[in-house]
Amino acid sequence: LQYILEYSDAARRSFLSYVTGELNIASLPEIQFRTQVAGKNQERPDLAGYDEENNELILIESKFWAGLTDNQPLGYIERLRDSDLNADKALLFICPKARMISLWSELLRICGLDYTRINKAESYASEVQGIHMGMLSWSGILGVLELALSAEQSPLVADLKQLQGLCDLMDAQAFKPFE
């Protein structure tokens, strides 16, 4: 995902537009993504998004069927809150559609929140301690990226197809535990 977002401005813009719309965020500036950036407590989200002044504004955790770690979501929320920058910040979880309800319920339980849902088929959003927290499906995100990459006839469409294949394989072969 980071590779596609790094090498296609259209995909990155479409991704950020989709995220801000689905999570009810007023706006995010131009963002550059980095992978596996460790925080002060050694928390390590899959992607971290930075503005042009190197302010961390969005953390993204990609999930298939693995459980949450000790830092998810509260350590990530604390990490975003530690920044003095007064701007919209977001924590995003990406997972298979089949896992969304159970994972979202677990995230809200850990945060001490009641069930909150945006009335869309593939998104959940809430606010936790001033941070926008949300969940989007892999299929929704990959669909948005496919439209952006196809429109510009990008060679990255082949890379996106590989990511789609991985997501399909993970869905088909994964052990799906009760949560």
N, C-alpha and C. Protein backbone atom coordinates (compact mmCIF):
# COMPACT_ATOMS: atom_id res chain seq x y z
N LEU A 1 0.84 -1.20 0.00
CA LEU A 1 0.00 0.00 0.00
C LEU A 1 0.88 1.25 0.00
N GLN A 2 1.90 1.27 0.84
CA GLN A 2 2.78 2.43 0.91
C GLN A 2 3.46 2.69 -0.43
N TYR A 3 3.88 1.65 -1.09
CA TYR A 3 4.54 1.76 -2.39
C TYR A 3 3.63 2.47 -3.40
N ILE A 4 2.39 2.06 -3.45
CA ILE A 4 1.43 2.67 -4.37
C ILE A 4 1.19 4.13 -4.01
N LEU A 5 1.01 4.41 -2.73
CA LEU A 5 0.77 5.78 -2.29
C LEU A 5 1.98 6.68 -2.52
N GLU A 6 3.17 6.10 -2.44
CA GLU A 6 4.39 6.88 -2.64
C GLU A 6 4.59 7.25 -4.11
N TYR A 7 4.28 6.31 -5.00
CA TYR A 7 4.62 6.51 -6.40
C TYR A 7 3.48 6.99 -7.28
N SER A 8 2.31 7.22 -6.72
CA SER A 8 1.21 7.78 -7.50
C SER A 8 0.54 8.90 -6.73
N ASP A 9 0.72 10.12 -7.24
CA ASP A 9 0.06 11.26 -6.62
C ASP A 9 -1.46 11.11 -6.70
N ALA A 10 -1.96 10.61 -7.82
CA ALA A 10 -3.41 10.45 -7.99
C ALA A 10 -3.95 9.44 -6.98
N ALA A 11 -3.25 8.34 -6.79
CA ALA A 11 -3.70 7.33 -5.81
C ALA A 11 -3.66 7.91 -4.40
N ARG A 12 -2.59 8.63 -4.06
CA ARG A 12 -2.48 9.21 -2.72
C ARG A 12 -3.59 10.24 -2.49
N ARG A 13 -3.86 11.09 -3.47
CA ARG A 13 -4.94 12.08 -3.32
C ARG A 13 -6.29 11.39 -3.18
N SER A 14 -6.53 10.37 -3.99
CA SER A 14 -7.81 9.64 -3.91
C SER A 14 -7.96 8.93 -2.57
N PHE A 15 -6.88 8.32 -2.11
CA PHE A 15 -6.88 7.64 -0.82
C PHE A 15 -7.21 8.63 0.30
N LEU A 16 -6.51 9.77 0.32
CA LEU A 16 -6.74 10.75 1.37
C LEU A 16 -8.15 11.35 1.30
N SER A 17 -8.64 11.56 0.11
CA SER A 17 -10.01 12.06 -0.05
C SER A 17 -11.02 11.05 0.49
N TYR A 18 -10.79 9.79 0.18
CA TYR A 18 -11.67 8.72 0.66
C TYR A 18 -11.63 8.65 2.19
N VAL A 19 -10.44 8.66 2.75
CA VAL A 19 -10.28 8.57 4.21
C VAL A 19 -10.95 9.76 4.90
N THR A 20 -10.68 10.97 4.43
CA THR A 20 -11.27 12.15 5.08
C THR A 20 -12.79 12.13 4.97
N GLY A 21 -13.32 11.72 3.83
CA GLY A 21 -14.77 11.64 3.66
C GLY A 21 -15.40 10.60 4.56
N GLU A 22 -14.83 9.42 4.60
CA GLU A 22 -15.41 8.32 5.38
C GLU A 22 -15.25 8.52 6.88
N LEU A 23 -14.18 9.16 7.32
CA LEU A 23 -13.94 9.36 8.75
C LEU A 23 -14.44 10.70 9.25
N ASN A 24 -15.07 11.47 8.36
CA ASN A 24 -15.64 12.76 8.75
C ASN A 24 -14.58 13.75 9.22
N ILE A 25 -13.46 13.79 8.52
CA ILE A 25 -12.37 14.70 8.84
C ILE A 25 -12.49 15.91 7.92
N ALA A 26 -12.38 17.10 8.50
CA ALA A 26 -12.51 18.31 7.69
C ALA A 26 -11.49 18.33 6.56
N SER A 27 -10.23 18.10 6.90
CA SER A 27 -9.21 18.09 5.85
C SER A 27 -7.90 17.55 6.39
N LEU A 28 -7.12 17.03 5.48
CA LEU A 28 -5.74 16.65 5.75
C LEU A 28 -4.90 17.30 4.65
N PRO A 29 -3.74 17.82 4.99
CA PRO A 29 -2.89 18.40 3.94
C PRO A 29 -2.26 17.29 3.10
N GLU A 30 -1.41 17.65 2.18
CA GLU A 30 -0.64 16.67 1.42
C GLU A 30 0.15 15.83 2.42
N ILE A 31 0.05 14.52 2.28
CA ILE A 31 0.68 13.58 3.23
C ILE A 31 1.65 12.69 2.48
N GLN A 32 2.77 12.40 3.13
CA GLN A 32 3.71 11.38 2.65
C GLN A 32 3.71 10.26 3.69
N PHE A 33 3.74 9.04 3.21
CA PHE A 33 3.64 7.88 4.10
C PHE A 33 4.98 7.18 4.25
N ARG A 34 5.22 6.71 5.48
CA ARG A 34 6.40 5.90 5.79
C ARG A 34 5.92 4.62 6.48
N THR A 35 6.70 3.57 6.33
CA THR A 35 6.32 2.31 6.95
C THR A 35 7.10 2.06 8.23
N GLN A 36 6.43 1.38 9.16
CA GLN A 36 7.05 0.83 10.37
C GLN A 36 7.88 1.85 11.16
N VAL A 37 7.34 3.04 11.38
CA VAL A 37 8.02 4.07 12.16
C VAL A 37 7.71 3.86 13.64
N ALA A 38 8.72 3.51 14.41
CA ALA A 38 8.52 3.24 15.84
C ALA A 38 8.35 4.53 16.62
N GLY A 39 7.45 4.48 17.61
CA GLY A 39 7.23 5.61 18.51
C GLY A 39 8.04 5.45 19.77
N LYS A 40 7.84 6.37 20.71
CA LYS A 40 8.63 6.37 21.95
C LYS A 40 8.41 5.12 22.80
N ASN A 41 7.25 4.49 22.68
CA ASN A 41 6.97 3.26 23.42
C ASN A 41 7.13 2.02 22.55
N GLN A 42 7.87 2.18 21.46
CA GLN A 42 8.13 1.11 20.50
C GLN A 42 6.88 0.63 19.76
N GLU A 43 5.80 1.43 19.82
CA GLU A 43 4.65 1.11 19.00
C GLU A 43 5.04 1.34 17.54
N ARG A 44 4.52 0.50 16.66
CA ARG A 44 4.98 0.51 15.28
C ARG A 44 3.80 0.27 14.33
N PRO A 45 3.07 1.35 13.99
CA PRO A 45 1.96 1.16 13.04
C PRO A 45 2.51 0.80 11.66
N ASP A 46 1.66 0.21 10.84
CA ASP A 46 2.09 -0.19 9.50
C ASP A 46 2.46 1.01 8.64
N LEU A 47 1.69 2.08 8.72
CA LEU A 47 1.98 3.31 7.97
C LEU A 47 1.80 4.51 8.89
N ALA A 48 2.65 5.50 8.70
CA ALA A 48 2.51 6.78 9.39
C ALA A 48 2.55 7.86 8.32
N GLY A 49 1.62 8.81 8.40
CA GLY A 49 1.54 9.87 7.40
C GLY A 49 1.97 11.20 7.98
N TYR A 50 2.81 11.90 7.22
CA TYR A 50 3.42 13.15 7.67
C TYR A 50 3.11 14.27 6.68
N ASP A 51 2.92 15.48 7.23
CA ASP A 51 2.76 16.64 6.35
C ASP A 51 4.13 17.14 5.93
N GLU A 52 4.17 18.22 5.17
CA GLU A 52 5.45 18.73 4.63
C GLU A 52 6.39 19.25 5.71
N GLU A 53 5.87 19.50 6.92
CA GLU A 53 6.72 19.95 8.02
C GLU A 53 7.07 18.80 8.96
N ASN A 54 6.85 17.59 8.51
CA ASN A 54 7.18 16.36 9.23
C ASN A 54 6.34 16.15 10.49
N ASN A 55 5.12 16.70 10.50
CA ASN A 55 4.18 16.45 11.60
C ASN A 55 3.41 15.17 11.29
N GLU A 56 3.37 14.27 12.25
CA GLU A 56 2.65 13.01 12.07
C GLU A 56 1.16 13.28 12.27
N LEU A 57 0.37 13.00 11.21
CA LEU A 57 -1.05 13.31 11.26
C LEU A 57 -1.96 12.09 11.17
N ILE A 58 -1.46 10.99 10.63
CA ILE A 58 -2.30 9.82 10.48
C ILE A 58 -1.47 8.56 10.69
N LEU A 59 -2.03 7.63 11.46
CA LEU A 59 -1.43 6.31 11.64
C LEU A 59 -2.39 5.29 11.07
N ILE A 60 -1.83 4.31 10.37
CA ILE A 60 -2.66 3.30 9.72
C ILE A 60 -2.17 1.91 10.13
N GLU A 61 -3.11 1.11 10.54
CA GLU A 61 -2.82 -0.27 10.91
C GLU A 61 -3.60 -1.18 9.97
N SER A 62 -2.88 -2.02 9.25
CA SER A 62 -3.48 -2.98 8.33
C SER A 62 -3.73 -4.28 9.07
N LYS A 63 -4.94 -4.74 9.03
CA LYS A 63 -5.30 -5.97 9.73
C LYS A 63 -5.91 -6.96 8.74
N PHE A 64 -5.61 -8.21 8.98
CA PHE A 64 -6.35 -9.28 8.33
C PHE A 64 -7.03 -10.02 9.47
N TRP A 65 -6.40 -11.03 10.04
CA TRP A 65 -7.06 -11.79 11.10
C TRP A 65 -6.27 -11.79 12.41
N ALA A 66 -5.14 -11.10 12.47
CA ALA A 66 -4.37 -11.04 13.72
C ALA A 66 -5.10 -10.18 14.75
N GLY A 67 -4.83 -10.47 16.01
CA GLY A 67 -5.44 -9.70 17.08
C GLY A 67 -4.78 -8.33 17.23
N LEU A 68 -5.37 -7.52 18.08
CA LEU A 68 -4.80 -6.21 18.38
C LEU A 68 -3.59 -6.38 19.30
N THR A 69 -2.62 -5.47 19.17
CA THR A 69 -1.47 -5.47 20.06
C THR A 69 -1.77 -4.59 21.27
N ASP A 70 -0.87 -4.56 22.22
CA ASP A 70 -1.06 -3.74 23.42
C ASP A 70 -1.19 -2.26 23.10
N ASN A 71 -0.59 -1.80 22.01
CA ASN A 71 -0.63 -0.38 21.65
C ASN A 71 -1.83 -0.02 20.79
N GLN A 72 -2.63 -0.99 20.42
CA GLN A 72 -3.74 -0.72 19.53
C GLN A 72 -5.06 -0.74 20.30
N PRO A 73 -5.77 0.33 20.31
CA PRO A 73 -5.54 1.61 19.67
C PRO A 73 -4.95 2.68 20.58
N LEU A 74 -4.96 2.46 21.90
CA LEU A 74 -4.66 3.55 22.84
C LEU A 74 -3.24 4.10 22.72
N GLY A 75 -2.25 3.25 22.48
CA GLY A 75 -0.89 3.74 22.30
C GLY A 75 -0.75 4.61 21.08
N TYR A 76 -1.47 4.25 20.02
CA TYR A 76 -1.43 5.05 18.79
C TYR A 76 -2.14 6.39 18.99
N ILE A 77 -3.25 6.37 19.72
CA ILE A 77 -3.97 7.61 20.00
C ILE A 77 -3.10 8.54 20.84
N GLU A 78 -2.44 7.98 21.84
CA GLU A 78 -1.53 8.79 22.67
C GLU A 78 -0.41 9.38 21.81
N ARG A 79 0.13 8.59 20.92
CA ARG A 79 1.20 9.06 20.03
C ARG A 79 0.73 10.25 19.20
N LEU A 80 -0.46 10.19 18.65
CA LEU A 80 -0.98 11.31 17.86
C LEU A 80 -1.29 12.52 18.74
N ARG A 81 -1.77 12.29 19.95
CA ARG A 81 -2.10 13.39 20.86
C ARG A 81 -0.85 14.10 21.39
N ASP A 82 0.28 13.38 21.45
CA ASP A 82 1.52 13.97 21.97
C ASP A 82 2.04 15.11 21.11
N SER A 83 1.62 15.16 19.87
CA SER A 83 2.05 16.24 18.99
C SER A 83 1.37 17.54 19.42
N ASP A 84 2.12 18.62 19.44
CA ASP A 84 1.57 19.92 19.81
C ASP A 84 0.79 20.56 18.67
N LEU A 85 0.91 20.01 17.48
CA LEU A 85 0.25 20.60 16.32
C LEU A 85 -1.27 20.52 16.49
N ASN A 86 -1.92 21.66 16.33
CA ASN A 86 -3.37 21.72 16.42
C ASN A 86 -3.95 21.50 15.01
N ALA A 87 -4.18 20.24 14.67
CA ALA A 87 -4.70 19.88 13.35
C ALA A 87 -5.49 18.59 13.50
N ASP A 88 -6.31 18.30 12.49
CA ASP A 88 -7.00 17.02 12.48
C ASP A 88 -5.97 15.90 12.38
N LYS A 89 -6.17 14.87 13.19
CA LYS A 89 -5.30 13.69 13.18
C LYS A 89 -6.19 12.46 13.18
N ALA A 90 -5.66 11.38 12.61
CA ALA A 90 -6.51 10.20 12.46
C ALA A 90 -5.75 8.91 12.71
N LEU A 91 -6.47 7.95 13.22
CA LEU A 91 -6.01 6.57 13.37
C LEU A 91 -6.96 5.72 12.54
N LEU A 92 -6.39 5.02 11.57
CA LEU A 92 -7.20 4.23 10.65
C LEU A 92 -6.81 2.77 10.71
N PHE A 93 -7.80 1.92 10.82
CA PHE A 93 -7.61 0.48 10.71
C PHE A 93 -8.20 0.04 9.39
N ILE A 94 -7.46 -0.80 8.66
CA ILE A 94 -7.94 -1.36 7.40
C ILE A 94 -8.04 -2.87 7.61
N CYS A 95 -9.20 -3.43 7.29
CA CYS A 95 -9.38 -4.87 7.50
C CYS A 95 -10.37 -5.43 6.50
N PRO A 96 -10.48 -6.76 6.43
CA PRO A 96 -11.48 -7.38 5.57
C PRO A 96 -12.89 -7.01 6.03
N LYS A 97 -13.81 -6.90 5.09
CA LYS A 97 -15.20 -6.59 5.42
C LYS A 97 -15.77 -7.55 6.46
N ALA A 98 -15.42 -8.82 6.34
CA ALA A 98 -15.96 -9.83 7.25
C ALA A 98 -15.52 -9.64 8.69
N ARG A 99 -14.49 -8.87 8.91
CA ARG A 99 -13.98 -8.69 10.27
C ARG A 99 -14.38 -7.34 10.87
N MET A 100 -14.97 -6.49 10.09
CA MET A 100 -15.19 -5.11 10.54
C MET A 100 -16.03 -5.00 11.82
N ILE A 101 -17.13 -5.68 11.89
CA ILE A 101 -18.02 -5.51 13.05
C ILE A 101 -17.33 -5.94 14.33
N SER A 102 -16.69 -7.10 14.33
CA SER A 102 -16.08 -7.59 15.56
C SER A 102 -14.86 -6.75 15.95
N LEU A 103 -14.05 -6.36 14.98
CA LEU A 103 -12.87 -5.56 15.30
C LEU A 103 -13.26 -4.16 15.77
N TRP A 104 -14.26 -3.56 15.12
CA TRP A 104 -14.71 -2.23 15.54
C TRP A 104 -15.27 -2.27 16.96
N SER A 105 -16.04 -3.30 17.25
CA SER A 105 -16.58 -3.44 18.61
C SER A 105 -15.47 -3.56 19.64
N GLU A 106 -14.42 -4.31 19.32
CA GLU A 106 -13.28 -4.46 20.22
C GLU A 106 -12.55 -3.14 20.41
N LEU A 107 -12.34 -2.39 19.34
CA LEU A 107 -11.68 -1.08 19.45
C LEU A 107 -12.48 -0.14 20.34
N LEU A 108 -13.79 -0.09 20.15
CA LEU A 108 -14.62 0.78 20.96
C LEU A 108 -14.61 0.35 22.43
N ARG A 109 -14.63 -0.96 22.68
CA ARG A 109 -14.58 -1.46 24.05
C ARG A 109 -13.29 -1.00 24.73
N ILE A 110 -12.16 -1.15 24.04
CA ILE A 110 -10.87 -0.74 24.61
C ILE A 110 -10.86 0.75 24.89
N CYS A 111 -11.48 1.53 24.03
CA CYS A 111 -11.52 2.99 24.20
C CYS A 111 -12.60 3.46 25.17
N GLY A 112 -13.43 2.54 25.63
CA GLY A 112 -14.50 2.90 26.55
C GLY A 112 -15.62 3.69 25.89
N LEU A 113 -15.89 3.41 24.61
CA LEU A 113 -16.91 4.14 23.86
C LEU A 113 -18.10 3.24 23.55
N ASP A 114 -19.23 3.90 23.32
CA ASP A 114 -20.40 3.19 22.84
C ASP A 114 -20.26 2.95 21.35
N TYR A 115 -21.05 2.05 20.85
CA TYR A 115 -21.04 1.71 19.44
C TYR A 115 -21.38 2.95 18.61
N THR A 116 -20.53 3.27 17.65
CA THR A 116 -20.74 4.40 16.75
C THR A 116 -20.54 3.91 15.34
N ARG A 117 -21.46 4.25 14.46
CA ARG A 117 -21.36 3.78 13.08
C ARG A 117 -21.75 4.89 12.13
N ILE A 118 -20.97 5.05 11.08
CA ILE A 118 -21.38 5.89 9.98
C ILE A 118 -22.23 5.00 9.08
N ASN A 119 -23.30 5.51 8.57
CA ASN A 119 -24.22 4.69 7.79
C ASN A 119 -23.72 4.44 6.38
N LYS A 120 -22.63 3.77 6.27
CA LYS A 120 -22.07 3.36 4.99
C LYS A 120 -21.66 1.91 5.13
N ALA A 121 -21.65 1.20 4.04
CA ALA A 121 -21.43 -0.25 4.10
C ALA A 121 -20.03 -0.64 4.55
N GLU A 122 -19.03 0.16 4.27
CA GLU A 122 -17.66 -0.27 4.53
C GLU A 122 -16.85 0.72 5.35
N SER A 123 -17.50 1.41 6.29
CA SER A 123 -16.73 2.33 7.11
C SER A 123 -17.36 2.51 8.49
N TYR A 124 -16.49 2.71 9.46
CA TYR A 124 -16.88 3.02 10.82
C TYR A 124 -16.02 4.20 11.26
N ALA A 125 -16.59 5.07 12.07
CA ALA A 125 -15.81 6.22 12.53
C ALA A 125 -16.32 6.69 13.88
N SER A 126 -15.39 7.21 14.66
CA SER A 126 -15.69 7.78 15.96
C SER A 126 -14.57 8.75 16.29
N GLU A 127 -14.71 9.46 17.37
CA GLU A 127 -13.64 10.33 17.83
C GLU A 127 -13.23 9.87 19.22
N VAL A 128 -11.91 9.73 19.42
CA VAL A 128 -11.37 9.27 20.68
C VAL A 128 -10.34 10.27 21.15
N GLN A 129 -10.63 10.95 22.25
CA GLN A 129 -9.70 11.92 22.84
C GLN A 129 -9.22 12.93 21.79
N GLY A 130 -10.12 13.39 20.95
CA GLY A 130 -9.79 14.39 19.94
C GLY A 130 -9.16 13.84 18.67
N ILE A 131 -9.00 12.53 18.57
CA ILE A 131 -8.41 11.89 17.39
C ILE A 131 -9.52 11.17 16.63
N HIS A 132 -9.57 11.36 15.32
CA HIS A 132 -10.52 10.64 14.48
C HIS A 132 -10.03 9.20 14.37
N MET A 133 -10.86 8.26 14.81
CA MET A 133 -10.52 6.85 14.67
C MET A 133 -11.54 6.23 13.74
N GLY A 134 -11.05 5.44 12.81
CA GLY A 134 -11.97 4.82 11.88
C GLY A 134 -11.48 3.50 11.36
N MET A 135 -12.37 2.86 10.64
CA MET A 135 -12.06 1.58 10.04
C MET A 135 -12.65 1.56 8.64
N LEU A 136 -11.83 1.12 7.70
CA LEU A 136 -12.26 0.97 6.31
C LEU A 136 -11.91 -0.43 5.85
N SER A 137 -12.66 -0.92 4.88
CA SER A 137 -12.39 -2.25 4.36
C SER A 137 -11.29 -2.20 3.31
N TRP A 138 -10.58 -3.31 3.21
CA TRP A 138 -9.58 -3.44 2.15
C TRP A 138 -10.24 -3.27 0.80
N SER A 139 -11.41 -3.87 0.61
CA SER A 139 -12.06 -3.80 -0.70
C SER A 139 -12.43 -2.37 -1.06
N GLY A 140 -12.89 -1.60 -0.10
CA GLY A 140 -13.23 -0.20 -0.37
C GLY A 140 -12.01 0.61 -0.77
N ILE A 141 -10.94 0.46 -0.03
CA ILE A 141 -9.71 1.20 -0.32
C ILE A 141 -9.12 0.78 -1.66
N LEU A 142 -9.06 -0.52 -1.91
CA LEU A 142 -8.48 -0.99 -3.16
C LEU A 142 -9.32 -0.56 -4.36
N GLY A 143 -10.64 -0.49 -4.18
CA GLY A 143 -11.51 0.00 -5.26
C GLY A 143 -11.22 1.46 -5.60
N VAL A 144 -11.04 2.28 -4.59
CA VAL A 144 -10.72 3.70 -4.80
C VAL A 144 -9.37 3.84 -5.51
N LEU A 145 -8.40 3.06 -5.06
CA LEU A 145 -7.06 3.13 -5.68
C LEU A 145 -7.09 2.63 -7.12
N GLU A 146 -7.88 1.59 -7.37
CA GLU A 146 -7.96 1.06 -8.73
C GLU A 146 -8.54 2.10 -9.69
N LEU A 147 -9.56 2.82 -9.26
CA LEU A 147 -10.13 3.87 -10.10
C LEU A 147 -9.09 4.95 -10.40
N ALA A 148 -8.36 5.37 -9.38
CA ALA A 148 -7.36 6.43 -9.57
C ALA A 148 -6.24 5.99 -10.49
N LEU A 149 -5.73 4.78 -10.28
CA LEU A 149 -4.62 4.28 -11.09
C LEU A 149 -5.05 3.99 -12.52
N SER A 150 -6.24 3.45 -12.68
CA SER A 150 -6.73 3.15 -14.03
C SER A 150 -6.97 4.42 -14.82
N ALA A 151 -7.49 5.46 -14.15
CA ALA A 151 -7.77 6.72 -14.83
C ALA A 151 -6.50 7.35 -15.41
N GLU A 152 -5.39 7.16 -14.73
CA GLU A 152 -4.14 7.73 -15.24
C GLU A 152 -3.30 6.68 -16.00
N GLN A 153 -3.90 5.53 -16.25
CA GLN A 153 -3.24 4.43 -16.96
C GLN A 153 -1.85 4.15 -16.38
N SER A 154 -1.83 4.05 -15.06
CA SER A 154 -0.58 3.85 -14.33
C SER A 154 -0.10 2.41 -14.42
N PRO A 155 1.22 2.22 -14.54
CA PRO A 155 1.76 0.85 -14.47
C PRO A 155 1.59 0.25 -13.07
N LEU A 156 1.24 1.07 -12.08
CA LEU A 156 1.02 0.56 -10.72
C LEU A 156 -0.26 -0.26 -10.59
N VAL A 157 -1.09 -0.28 -11.63
CA VAL A 157 -2.30 -1.12 -11.60
C VAL A 157 -1.90 -2.57 -11.36
N ALA A 158 -0.80 -3.01 -11.97
CA ALA A 158 -0.34 -4.40 -11.77
C ALA A 158 0.04 -4.65 -10.31
N ASP A 159 0.67 -3.68 -9.67
CA ASP A 159 1.02 -3.82 -8.25
C ASP A 159 -0.23 -3.85 -7.38
N LEU A 160 -1.21 -3.03 -7.74
CA LEU A 160 -2.47 -3.02 -7.01
C LEU A 160 -3.17 -4.38 -7.15
N LYS A 161 -3.12 -4.96 -8.33
CA LYS A 161 -3.73 -6.28 -8.54
C LYS A 161 -3.06 -7.33 -7.65
N GLN A 162 -1.75 -7.21 -7.46
CA GLN A 162 -1.05 -8.13 -6.55
C GLN A 162 -1.56 -7.96 -5.12
N LEU A 163 -1.74 -6.71 -4.70
CA LEU A 163 -2.26 -6.44 -3.35
C LEU A 163 -3.69 -6.98 -3.22
N GLN A 164 -4.50 -6.79 -4.26
CA GLN A 164 -5.85 -7.34 -4.24
C GLN A 164 -5.82 -8.86 -4.14
N GLY A 165 -4.89 -9.49 -4.86
CA GLY A 165 -4.75 -10.94 -4.79
C GLY A 165 -4.37 -11.40 -3.40
N LEU A 166 -3.44 -10.68 -2.77
CA LEU A 166 -3.05 -11.00 -1.39
C LEU A 166 -4.24 -10.89 -0.46
N CYS A 167 -5.00 -9.82 -0.58
CA CYS A 167 -6.17 -9.63 0.28
C CYS A 167 -7.19 -10.75 0.07
N ASP A 168 -7.42 -11.13 -1.18
CA ASP A 168 -8.34 -12.22 -1.48
C ASP A 168 -7.85 -13.54 -0.87
N LEU A 169 -6.55 -13.79 -0.99
CA LEU A 169 -5.96 -15.01 -0.44
C LEU A 169 -6.07 -15.04 1.08
N MET A 170 -5.77 -13.92 1.71
CA MET A 170 -5.86 -13.84 3.17
C MET A 170 -7.30 -14.10 3.63
N ASP A 171 -8.26 -13.57 2.89
CA ASP A 171 -9.66 -13.79 3.25
C ASP A 171 -10.06 -15.24 3.09
N ALA A 172 -9.58 -15.88 2.03
CA ALA A 172 -9.97 -17.25 1.73
C ALA A 172 -9.31 -18.28 2.65
N GLN A 173 -8.08 -18.02 3.07
CA GLN A 173 -7.32 -19.02 3.81
C GLN A 173 -7.21 -18.75 5.31
N ALA A 174 -7.69 -17.64 5.74
CA ALA A 174 -7.46 -17.25 7.14
C ALA A 174 -8.33 -18.03 8.11
N PHE A 175 -7.76 -18.33 9.26
CA PHE A 175 -8.52 -18.83 10.39
C PHE A 175 -9.25 -17.62 10.97
N LYS A 176 -10.54 -17.70 11.11
CA LYS A 176 -11.32 -16.57 11.57
C LYS A 176 -11.77 -16.81 13.01
N PRO A 177 -10.99 -16.32 13.96
CA PRO A 177 -11.34 -16.58 15.37
C PRO A 177 -12.53 -15.78 15.83
N PHE A 178 -13.18 -16.28 16.88
CA PHE A 178 -14.20 -15.47 17.53
C PHE A 178 -13.50 -14.37 18.27
N GLU A 179 -14.09 -13.20 18.27
CA GLU A 179 -13.51 -12.09 19.03
C GLU A 179 -14.48 -11.63 20.07
